[in-house]
PDB file of N, CA and C in Angstrom:
ATOM      1  N   MET A   1      -5.659   4.692  -0.948  1.00  0.00           N
ATOM      2  CA  MET A   1      -5.008   4.404  -1.858  1.00  0.00           C
ATOM      3  C   MET A   1      -4.612   3.596  -3.307  1.00  0.00           C
ATOM      4  N   LEU A   2      -6.018   2.474  -4.013  1.00  0.00           N
ATOM      5  CA  LEU A   2      -6.322   1.972  -4.953  1.00  0.00           C
ATOM      6  C   LEU A   2      -6.645   2.818  -5.324  1.00  0.00           C
ATOM      7  N   GLU A   3      -7.192   4.001  -5.086  1.00  0.00           N
ATOM      8  CA  GLU A   3      -8.095   4.980  -6.283  1.00  0.00           C
ATOM      9  C   GLU A   3      -7.791   5.376  -7.183  1.00  0.00           C
ATOM     10  N   ALA A   4      -5.584   5.382  -6.535  1.00  0.00           N
ATOM     11  CA  ALA A   4      -4.954   6.879  -6.863  1.00  0.00           C
ATOM     12  C   ALA A   4      -4.461   6.074  -7.828  1.00  0.00           C
ATOM     13  N   ALA A   5      -3.815   4.963  -7.810  1.00  0.00           N
ATOM     14  CA  ALA A   5      -3.478   3.609  -7.983  1.00  0.00           C
ATOM     15  C   ALA A   5      -3.881   3.700  -9.449  1.00  0.00           C
ATOM     16  N   ARG A   6      -4.918   3.256  -9.071  1.00  0.00           N
ATOM     17  CA  ARG A   6      -6.339   3.065 -10.494  1.00  0.00           C
ATOM     18  C   ARG A   6      -5.755   4.981 -12.502  1.00  0.00           C
ATOM     19  N   ARG A   7      -5.975   5.721 -10.657  1.00  0.00           N
ATOM     20  CA  ARG A   7      -4.948   6.182 -12.032  1.00  0.00           C
ATOM     21  C   ARG A   7      -3.675   7.152 -12.450  1.00  0.00           C
ATOM     22  N   SER A   8      -3.614   6.485 -11.223  1.00  0.00           N
ATOM     23  CA  SER A   8      -1.213   6.914 -11.719  1.00  0.00           C
ATOM     24  C   SER A   8      -1.055   7.795 -11.092  1.00  0.00           C
ATOM     25  N   ASP A   9      -1.687   7.736  -9.472  1.00  0.00           N
ATOM     26  CA  ASP A   9      -1.506   9.339  -9.104  1.00  0.00           C
ATOM     27  C   ASP A   9      -0.446   9.360  -7.905  1.00  0.00           C
ATOM     28  N   TRP A  10       1.041   8.544  -8.527  1.00  0.00           N
ATOM     29  CA  TRP A  10       1.561   7.790  -7.121  1.00  0.00           C
ATOM     30  C   TRP A  10       1.262   8.801  -6.641  1.00  0.00           C
ATOM     31  N   GLU A  11       1.349   9.964  -6.726  1.00  0.00           N
ATOM     32  CA  GLU A  11       2.248  11.454  -5.373  1.00  0.00           C
ATOM     33  C   GLU A  11       0.488  10.611  -4.418  1.00  0.00           C
ATOM     34  N   GLU A  12      -0.088  11.354  -4.840  1.00  0.00           N
ATOM     35  CA  GLU A  12      -1.474  10.378  -4.066  1.00  0.00           C
ATOM     36  C   GLU A  12      -1.520   9.105  -3.454  1.00  0.00           C
ATOM     37  N   VAL A  13      -0.709   7.909  -3.932  1.00  0.00           N
ATOM     38  CA  VAL A  13       0.133   7.110  -3.353  1.00  0.00           C
ATOM     39  C   VAL A  13       0.653   7.300  -2.538  1.00  0.00           C
ATOM     40  N   GLY A  14       1.817   7.584  -2.184  1.00  0.00           N
ATOM     41  CA  GLY A  14       2.687   8.058  -1.551  1.00  0.00           C
ATOM     42  C   GLY A  14       1.855   8.137  -0.190  1.00  0.00           C
ATOM     43  N   ARG A  15       1.098   9.378  -0.623  1.00  0.00           N
ATOM     44  CA  ARG A  15       0.407   9.859   1.370  1.00  0.00           C
ATOM     45  C   ARG A  15      -0.266   9.239   1.728  1.00  0.00           C
ATOM     46  N   GLN A  16      -1.351   8.254   1.232  1.00  0.00           N
ATOM     47  CA  GLN A  16      -2.463   7.362   1.266  1.00  0.00           C
ATOM     48  C   GLN A  16      -1.731   6.622   2.180  1.00  0.00           C
ATOM     49  N   GLU A  17       0.357   5.978   2.106  1.00  0.00           N
ATOM     50  CA  GLU A  17       0.716   4.746   1.502  1.00  0.00           C
ATOM     51  C   GLU A  17       1.193   5.192   3.296  1.00  0.00           C
ATOM     52  N   GLU A  18       1.067   6.657   4.247  1.00  0.00           N
ATOM     53  CA  GLU A  18       1.214   7.536   5.601  1.00  0.00           C
ATOM     54  C   GLU A  18       0.500   6.638   6.010  1.00  0.00           C
ATOM     55  N   ARG A  19       0.062   7.385   6.147  1.00  0.00           N
ATOM     56  CA  ARG A  19      -1.683   6.980   6.637  1.00  0.00           C
ATOM     57  C   ARG A  19      -1.801   6.123   7.135  1.00  0.00           C
ATOM     58  N   CYS A  20      -1.667   4.931   5.722  1.00  0.00           N
ATOM     59  CA  CYS A  20      -2.164   3.351   5.938  1.00  0.00           C
ATOM     60  C   CYS A  20      -1.175   2.296   6.961  1.00  0.00           C
ATOM     61  N   ARG A  21      -0.203   3.074   7.309  1.00  0.00           N
ATOM     62  CA  ARG A  21       1.034   2.156   7.624  1.00  0.00           C
ATOM     63  C   ARG A  21       0.599   3.179   8.906  1.00  0.00           C
ATOM     64  N   THR A  22      -0.410   4.125   8.974  1.00  0.00           N
ATOM     65  CA  THR A  22      -0.266   4.595  10.591  1.00  0.00           C
ATOM     66  C   THR A  22      -1.834   3.335  11.172  1.00  0.00           C
ATOM     67  N   LEU A  23      -2.825   3.281  10.362  1.00  0.00           N
ATOM     68  CA  LEU A  23      -4.022   3.131   9.926  1.00  0.00           C
ATOM     69  C   LEU A  23      -3.938   1.534  10.783  1.00  0.00           C
ATOM     70  N   VAL A  24      -2.789   0.754  10.102  1.00  0.00           N
ATOM     71  CA  VAL A  24      -1.990  -0.599  10.389  1.00  0.00           C
ATOM     72  C   VAL A  24      -1.029  -0.726  11.799  1.00  0.00           C
ATOM     73  N   ALA A  25      -0.218   0.095  11.684  1.00  0.00           N
ATOM     74  CA  ALA A  25       0.584   0.285  13.395  1.00  0.00           C
ATOM     75  C   ALA A  25      -0.864   1.097  14.584  1.00  0.00           C
ATOM     76  N   ALA A  26      -2.155   0.931  14.085  1.00  0.00           N
ATOM     77  CA  ALA A  26      -2.754   0.943  14.899  1.00  0.00           C
ATOM     78  C   ALA A  26      -4.158  -0.255  15.335  1.00  0.00           C
ATOM     79  N   LEU A  27      -4.023  -0.743  14.459  1.00  0.00           N
ATOM     80  CA  LEU A  27      -5.015  -1.582  14.313  1.00  0.00           C
ATOM     81  C   LEU A  27      -4.419  -2.781  15.037  1.00  0.00           C
ATOM     82  N   LYS A  28      -2.542  -2.927  15.233  1.00  0.00           N
ATOM     83  CA  LYS A  28      -1.861  -4.230  15.552  1.00  0.00           C
ATOM     84  C   LYS A  28      -2.113  -3.922  16.775  1.00  0.00           C
ATOM     85  N   ALA A  29      -1.724  -2.509  17.339  1.00  0.00           N
ATOM     86  CA  ALA A  29      -2.378  -2.457  18.719  1.00  0.00           C
ATOM     87  C   ALA A  29      -2.285  -2.859  19.589  1.00  0.00           C
ATOM     88  N   ALA A  30      -3.664  -1.825  19.388  1.00  0.00           N
ATOM     89  CA  ALA A  30      -5.150  -2.630  19.124  1.00  0.00           C
ATOM     90  C   ALA A  30      -4.834  -4.040  19.417  1.00  0.00           C
ATOM     91  N   SER A  31      -4.465  -4.410  19.183  1.00  0.00           N
ATOM     92  CA  SER A  31      -5.076  -6.453  19.300  1.00  0.00           C
ATOM     93  C   SER A  31      -4.368  -7.410  20.193  1.00  0.00           C
ATOM     94  N   LEU A  32      -2.959  -6.557  20.130  1.00  0.00           N
ATOM     95  CA  LEU A  32      -1.410  -6.367  21.563  1.00  0.00           C
ATOM     96  C   LEU A  32      -2.552  -5.759  22.860  1.00  0.00           C
ATOM     97  N   GLU A  33      -2.543  -4.751  22.803  1.00  0.00           N
ATOM     98  CA  GLU A  33      -3.906  -3.853  24.124  1.00  0.00           C
ATOM     99  C   GLU A  33      -4.257  -5.113  25.107  1.00  0.00           C
ATOM    100  N   SER A  34      -5.021  -5.913  24.013  1.00  0.00           N
ATOM    101  CA  SER A  34      -5.725  -6.817  25.168  1.00  0.00           C
ATOM    102  C   SER A  34      -6.969  -7.197  23.811  1.00  0.00           C
ATOM    103  N   PRO A  35      -7.362  -7.969  24.552  1.00  0.00           N
ATOM    104  CA  PRO A  35      -7.777  -9.416  23.910  1.00  0.00           C
ATOM    105  C   PRO A  35      -9.279  -8.326  23.056  1.00  0.00           C
ATOM    106  N   LEU A  36      -9.216  -8.602  21.767  1.00  0.00           N
ATOM    107  CA  LEU A  36     -10.520  -8.378  21.293  1.00  0.00           C
ATOM    108  C   LEU A  36     -11.753  -9.247  21.407  1.00  0.00           C
ATOM    109  N   PRO A  37     -12.565  -8.665  20.647  1.00  0.00           N
ATOM    110  CA  PRO A  37     -14.076  -9.112  21.259  1.00  0.00           C
ATOM    111  C   PRO A  37     -14.033 -10.246  19.653  1.00  0.00           C
ATOM    112  N   PRO A  38     -14.620 -11.467  20.114  1.00  0.00           N
ATOM    113  CA  PRO A  38     -14.623 -11.883  18.524  1.00  0.00           C
ATOM    114  C   PRO A  38     -14.697 -11.056  17.492  1.00  0.00           C
ATOM    115  N   ALA A  39     -15.975 -10.803  17.047  1.00  0.00           N
ATOM    116  CA  ALA A  39     -16.236  -9.147  16.228  1.00  0.00           C
ATOM    117  C   ALA A  39     -15.800  -8.639  15.441  1.00  0.00           C
ATOM    118  N   ASP A  40     -15.084  -7.566  17.306  1.00  0.00           N
ATOM    119  CA  ASP A  40     -13.786  -6.747  16.374  1.00  0.00           C
ATOM    120  C   ASP A  40     -12.912  -7.975  15.402  1.00  0.00           C
ATOM    121  N   ASN A  41     -12.584  -8.183  16.161  1.00  0.00           N
ATOM    122  CA  ASN A  41     -10.738  -9.554  15.678  1.00  0.00           C
ATOM    123  C   ASN A  41     -11.129 -10.192  14.714  1.00  0.00           C
ATOM    124  N   ARG A  42     -12.868 -10.205  14.054  1.00  0.00           N
ATOM    125  CA  ARG A  42     -13.104 -10.534  13.520  1.00  0.00           C
ATOM    126  C   ARG A  42     -13.208  -8.566  11.202  1.00  0.00           C
ATOM    127  N   ARG A  43     -13.246  -8.053  12.350  1.00  0.00           N
ATOM    128  CA  ARG A  43     -13.700  -6.740  11.119  1.00  0.00           C
ATOM    129  C   ARG A  43     -11.506  -6.725  11.490  1.00  0.00           C
ATOM    130  N   ARG A  44     -10.994  -6.316  12.619  1.00  0.00           N
ATOM    131  CA  ARG A  44      -9.378  -6.608  12.064  1.00  0.00           C
ATOM    132  C   ARG A  44      -9.166  -7.141  10.832  1.00  0.00           C
ATOM    133  N   MET A  45      -8.840  -8.666  11.333  1.00  0.00           N
ATOM    134  CA  MET A  45      -9.420  -9.550  10.031  1.00  0.00           C
ATOM    135  C   MET A  45      -9.382  -8.881   9.481  1.00  0.00           C
ATOM    136  N   ASP A  46     -10.442  -9.211   8.678  1.00  0.00           N
ATOM    137  CA  ASP A  46     -10.902  -8.834   7.567  1.00  0.00           C
ATOM    138  C   ASP A  46      -9.979  -7.586   6.335  1.00  0.00           C
ATOM    139  N   LEU A  47      -9.855  -6.744   7.304  1.00  0.00           N
ATOM    140  CA  LEU A  47      -9.828  -4.692   7.128  1.00  0.00           C
ATOM    141  C   LEU A  47      -8.770  -5.470   6.809  1.00  0.00           C
ATOM    142  N   LEU A  48      -7.290  -6.656   7.462  1.00  0.00           N
ATOM    143  CA  LEU A  48      -6.138  -6.771   7.125  1.00  0.00           C
ATOM    144  C   LEU A  48      -5.805  -7.340   5.713  1.00  0.00           C
ATOM    145  N   ARG A  49      -6.560  -8.297   5.711  1.00  0.00           N
ATOM    146  CA  ARG A  49      -7.234  -9.242   4.259  1.00  0.00           C
ATOM    147  C   ARG A  49      -7.405  -8.176   3.444  1.00  0.00           C
ATOM    148  N   ARG A  50      -8.737  -7.327   3.234  1.00  0.00           N
ATOM    149  CA  ARG A  50      -8.906  -6.302   1.801  1.00  0.00           C
ATOM    150  C   ARG A  50      -6.867  -5.823   1.946  1.00  0.00           C
ATOM    151  N   ILE A  51      -6.747  -4.718   2.812  1.00  0.00           N
ATOM    152  CA  ILE A  51      -4.877  -4.131   3.137  1.00  0.00           C
ATOM    153  C   ILE A  51      -4.351  -4.847   2.330  1.00  0.00           C
ATOM    154  N   LEU A  52      -3.729  -5.985   1.977  1.00  0.00           N
ATOM    155  CA  LEU A  52      -2.798  -7.029   1.206  1.00  0.00           C
ATOM    156  C   LEU A  52      -3.324  -6.725   0.556  1.00  0.00           C
ATOM    157  N   ALA A  53      -4.764  -6.890  -0.270  1.00  0.00           N
ATOM    158  CA  ALA A  53      -5.621  -7.366  -1.359  1.00  0.00           C
ATOM    159  C   ALA A  53      -5.069  -5.702  -2.399  1.00  0.00           C
ATOM    160  N   ASP A  54      -5.527  -5.065  -1.964  1.00  0.00           N
ATOM    161  CA  ASP A  54      -5.120  -3.678  -2.723  1.00  0.00           C
ATOM    162  C   ASP A  54      -3.943  -3.206  -2.292  1.00  0.00           C
ATOM    163  N   ASP A  55      -3.149  -4.108  -1.906  1.00  0.00           N
ATOM    164  CA  ASP A  55      -1.344  -3.870  -1.593  1.00  0.00           C
ATOM    165  C   ASP A  55      -0.722  -4.226  -2.834  1.00  0.00           C
ATOM    166  N   ALA A  56      -1.175  -5.692  -3.397  1.00  0.00           N
ATOM    167  CA  ALA A  56      -1.556  -6.552  -4.654  1.00  0.00           C
ATOM    168  C   ALA A  56      -1.554  -5.040  -5.784  1.00  0.00           C
ATOM    169  N   GLU A  57      -2.736  -5.351  -5.662  1.00  0.00           N
ATOM    170  CA  GLU A  57      -3.302  -4.606  -6.796  1.00  0.00           C
ATOM    171  C   GLU A  57      -2.192  -3.554  -7.222  1.00  0.00           C
ATOM    172  N   ILE A  58      -2.079  -2.403  -6.052  1.00  0.00           N
ATOM    173  CA  ILE A  58      -1.893  -1.353  -5.867  1.00  0.00           C
ATOM    174  C   ILE A  58       0.057  -1.863  -6.913  1.00  0.00           C
ATOM    175  N   ARG A  59       0.654  -2.926  -6.635  1.00  0.00           N
ATOM    176  CA  ARG A  59       2.731  -2.694  -6.997  1.00  0.00           C
ATOM    177  C   ARG A  59       1.915  -3.618  -7.699  1.00  0.00           C
ATOM    178  N   GLY A  60       0.940  -4.135  -8.485  1.00  0.00           N
ATOM    179  CA  GLY A  60       0.855  -4.467 -10.555  1.00  0.00           C
ATOM    180  C   GLY A  60       0.869  -3.339 -11.039  1.00  0.00           C
ATOM    181  N   ARG A  61      -0.026  -2.280 -10.114  1.00  0.00           N
ATOM    182  CA  ARG A  61      -0.490  -1.936 -11.006  1.00  0.00           C
ATOM    183  C   ARG A  61       1.232  -0.740 -11.698  1.00  0.00           C
ATOM    184  N   ALA A  62       2.121  -0.495  -9.973  1.00  0.00           N
ATOM    185  CA  ALA A  62       3.201   0.007 -10.309  1.00  0.00           C
ATOM    186  C   ALA A  62       4.841  -0.385 -10.545  1.00  0.00           C
ATOM    187  N   ASP A  63       4.889  -1.991 -10.684  1.00  0.00           N
ATOM    188  CA  ASP A  63       5.826  -2.406 -11.299  1.00  0.00           C
ATOM    189  C   ASP A  63       5.798  -2.257 -12.447  1.00  0.00           C
ATOM    190  N   PRO A  64       5.220  -1.465 -14.117  1.00  0.00           N
ATOM    191  CA  PRO A  64       5.882  -0.907 -15.680  1.00  0.00           C
ATOM    192  C   PRO A  64       6.038   0.231 -14.960  1.00  0.00           C
ATOM    193  N   TRP A  65       5.676   0.730 -14.412  1.00  0.00           N
ATOM    194  CA  TRP A  65       5.806   2.206 -13.788  1.00  0.00           C
ATOM    195  C   TRP A  65       7.695   2.082 -13.141  1.00  0.00           C
ATOM    196  N   LEU A  66       7.510   1.326 -12.669  1.00  0.00           N
ATOM    197  CA  LEU A  66       9.054   1.347 -11.936  1.00  0.00           C
ATOM    198  C   LEU A  66      10.316   0.717 -12.846  1.00  0.00           C
ATOM    199  N   LYS A  67       9.756  -0.251 -13.362  1.00  0.00           N
ATOM    200  CA  LYS A  67      10.308  -1.214 -14.573  1.00  0.00           C
ATOM    201  C   LYS A  67      10.797   0.179 -16.484  1.00  0.00           C
ATOM    202  N   GLN A  68       9.721   0.980 -15.613  1.00  0.00           N
ATOM    203  CA  GLN A  68      10.026   1.953 -17.420  1.00  0.00           C
ATOM    204  C   GLN A  68      10.684   3.135 -16.173  1.00  0.00           C
ATOM    205  N   LEU A  69      11.041   3.481 -14.948  1.00  0.00           N
ATOM    206  CA  LEU A  69      11.752   4.496 -15.034  1.00  0.00           C
ATOM    207  C   LEU A  69      12.917   3.597 -14.328  1.00  0.00           C
ATOM    208  N   GLU A  70      13.174   2.681 -14.204  1.00  0.00           N
ATOM    209  CA  GLU A  70      14.498   1.673 -14.058  1.00  0.00           C
ATOM    210  C   GLU A  70      15.079   2.163 -15.546  1.00  0.00           C
ATOM    211  N   ARG A  71      15.071   1.474 -16.629  1.00  0.00           N
ATOM    212  CA  ARG A  71      14.969   1.888 -18.484  1.00  0.00           C
ATOM    213  C   ARG A  71      15.193   3.360 -18.521  1.00  0.00           C
ATOM    214  N   LEU A  72      14.445   3.857 -17.842  1.00  0.00           N
ATOM    215  CA  LEU A  72      15.608   5.732 -18.197  1.00  0.00           C
ATOM    216  C   LEU A  72      16.770   5.556 -17.079  1.00  0.00           C
ATOM    217  N   ILE A  73      16.364   5.568 -16.173  1.00  0.00           N
ATOM    218  CA  ILE A  73      17.841   5.533 -15.607  1.00  0.00           C
ATOM    219  C   ILE A  73      19.179   4.621 -16.068  1.00  0.00           C
ATOM    220  N   SER A  74      18.556   4.189 -16.128  1.00  0.00           N
ATOM    221  CA  SER A  74      19.707   3.007 -16.939  1.00  0.00           C
ATOM    222  C   SER A  74      19.868   3.001 -18.654  1.00  0.00           C
ATOM    223  N   SER A  75      19.442   3.640 -19.147  1.00  0.00           N
ATOM    224  CA  SER A  75      20.237   4.330 -20.224  1.00  0.00           C
ATOM    225  C   SER A  75      21.114   4.728 -21.199  1.00  0.00           C
ATOM    226  N   PRO A  76      22.602   5.131 -22.261  1.00  0.00           N
ATOM    227  CA  PRO A  76      23.328   5.435 -21.822  1.00  0.00           C
ATOM    228  C   PRO A  76      23.130   6.706 -22.480  1.00  0.00           C
ATOM    229  N   HIS A  77      21.845   7.226 -22.661  1.00  0.00           N
ATOM    230  CA  HIS A  77      21.178   8.787 -22.864  1.00  0.00           C
ATOM    231  C   HIS A  77      21.433   9.887 -22.044  1.00  0.00           C
ATOM    232  N   ALA A  78      21.141   8.974 -19.767  1.00  0.00           N
ATOM    233  CA  ALA A  78      20.019   9.493 -19.520  1.00  0.00           C
ATOM    234  C   ALA A  78      21.312   9.600 -18.525  1.00  0.00           C
ATOM    235  N   ARG A  79      22.793   8.680 -19.133  1.00  0.00           N
ATOM    236  CA  ARG A  79      23.673   9.082 -17.994  1.00  0.00           C
ATOM    237  C   ARG A  79      24.501  10.855 -18.786  1.00  0.00           C
ATOM    238  N   ARG A  80      23.878  11.055 -18.164  1.00  0.00           N
ATOM    239  CA  ARG A  80      25.485  12.656 -19.170  1.00  0.00           C
ATOM    240  C   ARG A  80      26.101  13.680 -17.628  1.00  0.00           C
TER     241      ARG A  80
END
């Protein structure tokens, strides 16, 4: 997902975002079903930290694009 954002491939970001949601839900469910062994729990926490860091970079890359889109939508020329 991050690589797609770096390429400004926002359609792919959307597709990968859904996959990421599914994987995060699976990680959460796994930790609720039964306690994870310490090594697995560390791995789960590492993955969640990476996901959060990637998400922050993706939002940073999307923000200028979203602001540009907002300007286009709210410009007087766009209202016809």
